Amino acid sequence: MGLGTSIFLIAVGAILDFAVNVNVQGFSIHNVGVILMVVGILGCILSMVFWNSWGGFNRSRRTVEYDSVDAPVRRRVIEEDRTF
């Protein structure tokens, strides 16, 4: 779930919880709104936590650069550590 979907769920849940005045027997639309807001908030938090790790949980990145196309024997390896 992305950040946009999370914000959408929070907005729909808030509308169902605070702006709708409907009483239905055996079904509470306010509880559905609260559930949608909670799911949206959890999705938003998880999206922010995993924002920088789209490639997995590995924080290092390895780039291989070749000098030329004809001679792949000589190469330079650059390792970056992306710790925050």
N, C-alpha and C. Protein backbone atom coordinates (compact mmCIF):
# COMPACT_ATOMS: atom_id res chain seq x y z
N MET A 1 0.85 -1.15 0.00
CA MET A 1 0.00 0.00 0.00
C MET A 1 0.90 1.23 0.00
N GLY A 2 0.60 2.16 -0.85
CA GLY A 2 1.42 3.35 -0.95
C GLY A 2 0.92 4.47 -0.06
N LEU A 3 1.65 5.56 -0.09
CA LEU A 3 1.30 6.71 0.73
C LEU A 3 -0.01 7.33 0.28
N GLY A 4 -0.24 7.40 -1.03
CA GLY A 4 -1.49 7.97 -1.54
C GLY A 4 -2.70 7.15 -1.16
N THR A 5 -2.58 5.83 -1.22
CA THR A 5 -3.68 4.96 -0.81
C THR A 5 -3.96 5.10 0.67
N SER A 6 -2.93 5.24 1.47
CA SER A 6 -3.11 5.40 2.91
C SER A 6 -3.86 6.70 3.23
N ILE A 7 -3.47 7.77 2.57
CA ILE A 7 -4.14 9.05 2.80
C ILE A 7 -5.59 8.99 2.34
N PHE A 8 -5.84 8.29 1.23
CA PHE A 8 -7.21 8.11 0.74
C PHE A 8 -8.05 7.34 1.76
N LEU A 9 -7.51 6.26 2.32
CA LEU A 9 -8.25 5.49 3.32
C LEU A 9 -8.53 6.30 4.58
N ILE A 10 -7.58 7.13 4.99
CA ILE A 10 -7.80 7.99 6.15
C ILE A 10 -8.92 8.97 5.87
N ALA A 11 -8.93 9.55 4.67
CA ALA A 11 -9.96 10.53 4.32
C ALA A 11 -11.34 9.88 4.24
N VAL A 12 -11.44 8.72 3.60
CA VAL A 12 -12.74 8.03 3.50
C VAL A 12 -13.22 7.60 4.88
N GLY A 13 -12.31 7.10 5.71
CA GLY A 13 -12.69 6.71 7.06
C GLY A 13 -13.16 7.88 7.90
N ALA A 14 -12.51 9.04 7.75
CA ALA A 14 -12.94 10.22 8.49
C ALA A 14 -14.30 10.70 8.02
N ILE A 15 -14.56 10.63 6.73
CA ILE A 15 -15.88 11.02 6.22
C ILE A 15 -16.95 10.09 6.75
N LEU A 16 -16.69 8.78 6.73
CA LEU A 16 -17.68 7.83 7.23
C LEU A 16 -17.89 7.97 8.73
N ASP A 17 -16.86 8.32 9.46
CA ASP A 17 -16.98 8.40 10.92
C ASP A 17 -17.60 9.71 11.38
N PHE A 18 -17.19 10.82 10.80
CA PHE A 18 -17.61 12.11 11.33
C PHE A 18 -18.72 12.79 10.54
N ALA A 19 -18.86 12.52 9.25
CA ALA A 19 -19.79 13.30 8.43
C ALA A 19 -21.07 12.57 8.06
N VAL A 20 -21.13 11.27 8.24
CA VAL A 20 -22.31 10.51 7.83
C VAL A 20 -23.18 10.25 9.05
N ASN A 21 -24.45 10.57 8.93
CA ASN A 21 -25.41 10.34 10.01
C ASN A 21 -26.47 9.35 9.54
N VAL A 22 -26.10 8.08 9.51
CA VAL A 22 -27.02 7.04 9.07
C VAL A 22 -27.04 5.97 10.15
N ASN A 23 -28.23 5.56 10.54
CA ASN A 23 -28.38 4.48 11.52
C ASN A 23 -28.97 3.27 10.80
N VAL A 24 -28.18 2.21 10.73
CA VAL A 24 -28.60 0.98 10.07
C VAL A 24 -28.61 -0.11 11.13
N GLN A 25 -29.63 -0.94 11.09
CA GLN A 25 -29.76 -2.02 12.07
C GLN A 25 -28.70 -3.09 11.82
N GLY A 26 -27.88 -3.40 12.81
CA GLY A 26 -26.89 -4.46 12.72
C GLY A 26 -25.59 -4.09 12.02
N PHE A 27 -25.42 -2.83 11.66
CA PHE A 27 -24.22 -2.42 10.92
C PHE A 27 -23.89 -0.99 11.33
N SER A 28 -22.68 -0.77 11.81
CA SER A 28 -22.28 0.56 12.23
C SER A 28 -21.29 1.15 11.23
N ILE A 29 -21.75 2.15 10.50
CA ILE A 29 -20.89 2.79 9.50
C ILE A 29 -19.77 3.58 10.17
N HIS A 30 -19.98 3.99 11.42
CA HIS A 30 -18.94 4.71 12.16
C HIS A 30 -17.77 3.79 12.49
N ASN A 31 -18.08 2.53 12.84
CA ASN A 31 -17.00 1.58 13.10
C ASN A 31 -16.20 1.28 11.83
N VAL A 32 -16.87 1.22 10.70
CA VAL A 32 -16.17 1.02 9.43
C VAL A 32 -15.23 2.20 9.17
N GLY A 33 -15.69 3.41 9.48
CA GLY A 33 -14.84 4.59 9.31
C GLY A 33 -13.62 4.55 10.21
N VAL A 34 -13.80 4.12 11.44
CA VAL A 34 -12.66 4.02 12.37
C VAL A 34 -11.67 2.95 11.88
N ILE A 35 -12.19 1.82 11.40
CA ILE A 35 -11.32 0.76 10.90
C ILE A 35 -10.53 1.25 9.69
N LEU A 36 -11.18 1.97 8.77
CA LEU A 36 -10.47 2.50 7.61
C LEU A 36 -9.41 3.51 8.01
N MET A 37 -9.69 4.35 9.00
CA MET A 37 -8.69 5.31 9.45
C MET A 37 -7.49 4.60 10.08
N VAL A 38 -7.73 3.58 10.87
CA VAL A 38 -6.63 2.84 11.50
C VAL A 38 -5.78 2.13 10.45
N VAL A 39 -6.41 1.50 9.48
CA VAL A 39 -5.66 0.83 8.42
C VAL A 39 -4.87 1.85 7.60
N GLY A 40 -5.45 3.00 7.33
CA GLY A 40 -4.75 4.05 6.60
C GLY A 40 -3.55 4.59 7.36
N ILE A 41 -3.70 4.77 8.67
CA ILE A 41 -2.58 5.26 9.48
C ILE A 41 -1.46 4.23 9.54
N LEU A 42 -1.81 2.95 9.70
CA LEU A 42 -0.79 1.90 9.70
C LEU A 42 -0.08 1.81 8.35
N GLY A 43 -0.83 1.93 7.26
CA GLY A 43 -0.22 1.91 5.94
C GLY A 43 0.70 3.09 5.72
N CYS A 44 0.31 4.26 6.23
CA CYS A 44 1.13 5.46 6.11
C CYS A 44 2.43 5.30 6.88
N ILE A 45 2.35 4.77 8.08
CA ILE A 45 3.55 4.56 8.90
C ILE A 45 4.49 3.55 8.24
N LEU A 46 3.92 2.44 7.75
CA LEU A 46 4.76 1.43 7.10
C LEU A 46 5.37 1.95 5.80
N SER A 47 4.64 2.78 5.07
CA SER A 47 5.21 3.37 3.85
C SER A 47 6.38 4.28 4.17
N MET A 48 6.28 5.04 5.25
CA MET A 48 7.38 5.92 5.63
C MET A 48 8.57 5.16 6.19
N VAL A 49 8.32 4.05 6.88
CA VAL A 49 9.41 3.26 7.43
C VAL A 49 10.21 2.61 6.30
N PHE A 50 9.52 2.07 5.31
CA PHE A 50 10.19 1.37 4.22
C PHE A 50 10.39 2.25 3.00
N TRP A 51 10.38 3.55 3.16
CA TRP A 51 10.51 4.50 2.05
C TRP A 51 11.83 4.33 1.30
N ASN A 52 12.94 4.14 2.01
CA ASN A 52 14.26 4.06 1.39
C ASN A 52 14.71 2.65 1.08
N SER A 53 13.92 1.67 1.38
CA SER A 53 14.38 0.29 1.17
C SER A 53 13.53 -0.42 0.13
N TRP A 54 13.29 0.19 -1.00
CA TRP A 54 12.47 -0.46 -2.03
C TRP A 54 13.17 -1.67 -2.61
N GLY A 55 14.50 -1.72 -2.56
CA GLY A 55 15.23 -2.86 -3.09
C GLY A 55 15.41 -3.97 -2.08
N GLY A 56 14.75 -3.92 -0.98
CA GLY A 56 14.89 -4.91 0.08
C GLY A 56 15.42 -4.25 1.34
N PHE A 57 15.90 -5.07 2.24
CA PHE A 57 16.37 -4.56 3.51
C PHE A 57 17.87 -4.28 3.51
N ASN A 58 18.54 -4.49 2.39
CA ASN A 58 19.97 -4.26 2.29
C ASN A 58 20.24 -2.77 2.12
N ARG A 59 21.08 -2.19 2.95
CA ARG A 59 21.36 -0.77 2.90
C ARG A 59 22.59 -0.43 2.06
N SER A 60 23.31 -1.42 1.55
CA SER A 60 24.49 -1.12 0.74
C SER A 60 24.15 -1.30 -0.74
N ARG A 61 24.87 -0.60 -1.55
CA ARG A 61 24.63 -0.63 -2.99
C ARG A 61 25.96 -0.87 -3.70
N ARG A 62 25.98 -1.74 -4.67
CA ARG A 62 27.21 -2.07 -5.36
C ARG A 62 27.07 -1.71 -6.83
N THR A 63 28.02 -0.92 -7.32
CA THR A 63 28.03 -0.49 -8.71
C THR A 63 29.33 -0.94 -9.35
N VAL A 64 29.22 -1.56 -10.51
CA VAL A 64 30.41 -2.00 -11.24
C VAL A 64 30.51 -1.14 -12.49
N GLU A 65 31.69 -0.52 -12.67
CA GLU A 65 31.94 0.30 -13.85
C GLU A 65 33.07 -0.31 -14.65
N TYR A 66 32.85 -0.52 -15.92
CA TYR A 66 33.87 -1.05 -16.81
C TYR A 66 34.56 0.10 -17.53
N ASP A 67 35.86 -0.08 -17.81
CA ASP A 67 36.62 0.96 -18.52
C ASP A 67 36.17 1.06 -19.97
N SER A 68 36.00 -0.04 -20.65
CA SER A 68 35.55 -0.01 -22.04
C SER A 68 34.76 -1.28 -22.33
N VAL A 69 34.13 -1.30 -23.47
CA VAL A 69 33.33 -2.46 -23.86
C VAL A 69 34.23 -3.61 -24.29
N ASP A 70 35.38 -3.29 -24.90
CA ASP A 70 36.26 -4.33 -25.44
C ASP A 70 37.05 -5.06 -24.37
N ALA A 71 37.35 -4.41 -23.27
CA ALA A 71 38.20 -5.02 -22.24
C ALA A 71 37.47 -5.07 -20.90
N PRO A 72 36.67 -6.11 -20.69
CA PRO A 72 35.95 -6.20 -19.42
C PRO A 72 36.79 -6.75 -18.28
N VAL A 73 38.10 -6.97 -18.50
CA VAL A 73 38.96 -7.53 -17.47
C VAL A 73 39.23 -6.50 -16.38
N ARG A 74 39.43 -5.27 -16.77
CA ARG A 74 39.73 -4.22 -15.82
C ARG A 74 38.42 -3.51 -15.44
N ARG A 75 38.14 -3.50 -14.17
CA ARG A 75 36.92 -2.86 -13.71
C ARG A 75 37.13 -2.20 -12.36
N ARG A 76 36.26 -1.31 -12.03
CA ARG A 76 36.32 -0.59 -10.76
C ARG A 76 35.00 -0.83 -10.03
N VAL A 77 35.09 -1.28 -8.79
CA VAL A 77 33.92 -1.56 -7.99
C VAL A 77 33.77 -0.47 -6.94
N ILE A 78 32.60 0.13 -6.91
CA ILE A 78 32.31 1.20 -5.95
C ILE A 78 31.24 0.69 -5.00
N GLU A 79 31.53 0.71 -3.73
CA GLU A 79 30.55 0.29 -2.74
C GLU A 79 30.12 1.49 -1.94
N GLU A 80 28.83 1.68 -1.84
CA GLU A 80 28.26 2.79 -1.07
C GLU A 80 27.50 2.24 0.11
N ASP A 81 27.64 2.86 1.22
CA ASP A 81 26.90 2.49 2.41
C ASP A 81 25.88 3.57 2.69
N ARG A 82 24.59 3.22 2.56
CA ARG A 82 23.53 4.21 2.75
C ARG A 82 22.92 4.06 4.13
N THR A 83 23.65 4.43 5.15
CA THR A 83 23.11 4.41 6.49
C THR A 83 22.64 5.80 6.87
N PHE A 84 21.53 5.82 7.51
CA PHE A 84 20.92 7.11 7.89
C PHE A 84 20.86 7.23 9.39
